[in-house]
Amino acid sequence: MLLEALDDFILKILIVSAFVSIILSTATAEPKDRSHAWMEGFAILVAVAVCSLVAATNDYQKEKQFRELNKIADKDKEYAVRR
């Protein structure tokens, strides 16, 4: 489910942008600022990870509820057939 959440086009753009930001900021930063240059790109990656995990968790919970409802519906069908 996590891979499905990461399949969003906007998230793919953000991931690419994060790596480009990390590479460019560390390459163009002055030597004294290089230790902090990667933070902006890393923050983008963290945001993408949080969004993906939340989406995957929500999808998992919805699927779990759907399975439970299907079990109840199957029991109701069996009961109706017996009558």
C-alpha atoms as a PDB file:
ATOM      1  CA  MET A   1       0.000   0.000   0.000  1.00  0.00           C
ATOM      2  CA  LEU A   2       2.917   2.294   0.603  1.00  0.00           C
ATOM      3  CA  LEU A   3       4.069   1.826  -2.978  1.00  0.00           C
ATOM      4  CA  GLU A   4       0.556   2.674  -4.173  1.00  0.00           C
ATOM      5  CA  ALA A   5       0.660   5.868  -2.121  1.00  0.00           C
ATOM      6  CA  LEU A   6       4.034   6.764  -3.622  1.00  0.00           C
ATOM      7  CA  ASP A   7       2.646   6.232  -7.118  1.00  0.00           C
ATOM      8  CA  ASP A   8       1.121   9.731  -7.069  1.00  0.00           C
ATOM      9  CA  PHE A   9       2.561  11.987  -9.768  1.00  0.00           C
ATOM     10  CA  ILE A  10       2.951  14.995  -7.445  1.00  0.00           C
ATOM     11  CA  LEU A  11       4.876  12.918  -4.907  1.00  0.00           C
ATOM     12  CA  LYS A  12       7.193  11.680  -7.641  1.00  0.00           C
ATOM     13  CA  ILE A  13       7.864  15.293  -8.653  1.00  0.00           C
ATOM     14  CA  LEU A  14       8.565  16.201  -5.026  1.00  0.00           C
ATOM     15  CA  ILE A  15      10.996  13.304  -4.608  1.00  0.00           C
ATOM     16  CA  VAL A  16      12.925  14.307  -7.722  1.00  0.00           C
ATOM     17  CA  SER A  17      12.870  17.941  -6.602  1.00  0.00           C
ATOM     18  CA  ALA A  18      14.207  16.973  -3.191  1.00  0.00           C
ATOM     19  CA  PHE A  19      17.187  15.133  -4.663  1.00  0.00           C
ATOM     20  CA  VAL A  20      17.865  17.975  -7.102  1.00  0.00           C
ATOM     21  CA  SER A  21      17.707  20.419  -4.205  1.00  0.00           C
ATOM     22  CA  ILE A  22      20.133  18.353  -2.138  1.00  0.00           C
ATOM     23  CA  ILE A  23      22.591  17.999  -4.998  1.00  0.00           C
ATOM     24  CA  LEU A  24      22.469  21.619  -6.116  1.00  0.00           C
ATOM     25  CA  SER A  25      22.541  23.136  -2.656  1.00  0.00           C
ATOM     26  CA  THR A  26      25.516  21.091  -1.540  1.00  0.00           C
ATOM     27  CA  ALA A  27      27.353  21.660  -4.806  1.00  0.00           C
ATOM     28  CA  THR A  28      26.856  25.420  -4.878  1.00  0.00           C
ATOM     29  CA  ALA A  29      27.096  26.169  -1.159  1.00  0.00           C
ATOM     30  CA  GLU A  30      30.120  27.802   0.332  1.00  0.00           C
ATOM     31  CA  PRO A  31      32.332  25.419   2.316  1.00  0.00           C
ATOM     32  CA  LYS A  32      31.144  26.761   5.676  1.00  0.00           C
ATOM     33  CA  ASP A  33      27.453  26.278   4.698  1.00  0.00           C
ATOM     34  CA  ARG A  34      27.715  22.789   3.191  1.00  0.00           C
ATOM     35  CA  SER A  35      26.933  21.077   6.469  1.00  0.00           C
ATOM     36  CA  HIS A  36      23.452  22.654   6.440  1.00  0.00           C
ATOM     37  CA  ALA A  37      22.772  22.806   2.699  1.00  0.00           C
ATOM     38  CA  TRP A  38      21.093  19.390   2.510  1.00  0.00           C
ATOM     39  CA  MET A  39      18.363  20.201   5.053  1.00  0.00           C
ATOM     40  CA  GLU A  40      15.816  21.719   2.671  1.00  0.00           C
ATOM     41  CA  GLY A  41      15.845  18.723   0.347  1.00  0.00           C
ATOM     42  CA  PHE A  42      15.736  16.347   3.287  1.00  0.00           C
ATOM     43  CA  ALA A  43      12.715  18.208   4.692  1.00  0.00           C
ATOM     44  CA  ILE A  44      10.919  17.655   1.383  1.00  0.00           C
ATOM     45  CA  LEU A  45      11.706  13.926   1.573  1.00  0.00           C
ATOM     46  CA  VAL A  46      10.394  13.771   5.140  1.00  0.00           C
ATOM     47  CA  ALA A  47       7.171  15.502   4.081  1.00  0.00           C
ATOM     48  CA  VAL A  48       6.721  13.027   1.229  1.00  0.00           C
ATOM     49  CA  ALA A  49       7.338  10.123   3.610  1.00  0.00           C
ATOM     50  CA  VAL A  50       4.797  11.424   6.112  1.00  0.00           C
ATOM     51  CA  CYS A  51       2.154  11.979   3.422  1.00  0.00           C
ATOM     52  CA  SER A  52       2.744   8.527   1.952  1.00  0.00           C
ATOM     53  CA  LEU A  53       2.606   6.798   5.320  1.00  0.00           C
ATOM     54  CA  VAL A  54      -0.609   8.584   6.270  1.00  0.00           C
ATOM     55  CA  ALA A  55      -2.211   7.688   2.940  1.00  0.00           C
ATOM     56  CA  ALA A  56      -1.098   4.056   3.211  1.00  0.00           C
ATOM     57  CA  THR A  57      -2.378   3.817   6.797  1.00  0.00           C
ATOM     58  CA  ASN A  58      -5.749   5.259   5.804  1.00  0.00           C
ATOM     59  CA  ASP A  59      -6.015   2.846   2.873  1.00  0.00           C
ATOM     60  CA  TYR A  60      -5.155  -0.083   5.122  1.00  0.00           C
ATOM     61  CA  GLN A  61      -7.798   0.903   7.677  1.00  0.00           C
ATOM     62  CA  LYS A  62     -10.421   1.338   4.955  1.00  0.00           C
ATOM     63  CA  GLU A  63      -9.590  -2.072   3.500  1.00  0.00           C
ATOM     64  CA  LYS A  64      -9.771  -3.677   6.938  1.00  0.00           C
ATOM     65  CA  GLN A  65     -13.202  -2.138   7.548  1.00  0.00           C
ATOM     66  CA  PHE A  66     -14.354  -3.259   4.116  1.00  0.00           C
ATOM     67  CA  ARG A  67     -13.324  -6.853   4.855  1.00  0.00           C
ATOM     68  CA  GLU A  68     -15.225  -6.769   8.149  1.00  0.00           C
ATOM     69  CA  LEU A  69     -18.330  -5.446   6.402  1.00  0.00           C
ATOM     70  CA  ASN A  70     -18.043  -8.176   3.779  1.00  0.00           C
ATOM     71  CA  LYS A  71     -17.892 -10.818   6.518  1.00  0.00           C
ATOM     72  CA  ILE A  72     -21.065  -9.413   8.051  1.00  0.00           C
ATOM     73  CA  ALA A  73     -22.768  -9.288   4.654  1.00  0.00           C
ATOM     74  CA  ASP A  74     -21.766 -12.905   3.945  1.00  0.00           C
ATOM     75  CA  LYS A  75     -23.211 -14.012   7.282  1.00  0.00           C
ATOM     76  CA  ASP A  76     -26.444 -12.158   6.482  1.00  0.00           C
ATOM     77  CA  LYS A  77     -26.635 -13.880   3.083  1.00  0.00           C
ATOM     78  CA  GLU A  78     -26.121 -17.288   4.677  1.00  0.00           C
ATOM     79  CA  TYR A  79     -28.845 -16.548   7.214  1.00  0.00           C
ATOM     80  CA  ALA A  80     -31.242 -15.395   4.467  1.00  0.00           C
ATOM     81  CA  VAL A  81     -30.606 -18.565   2.423  1.00  0.00           C
ATOM     82  CA  ARG A  82     -31.325 -20.795   5.433  1.00  0.00           C
ATOM     83  CA  ARG A  83     -34.703 -19.171   6.004  1.00  0.00           C
END
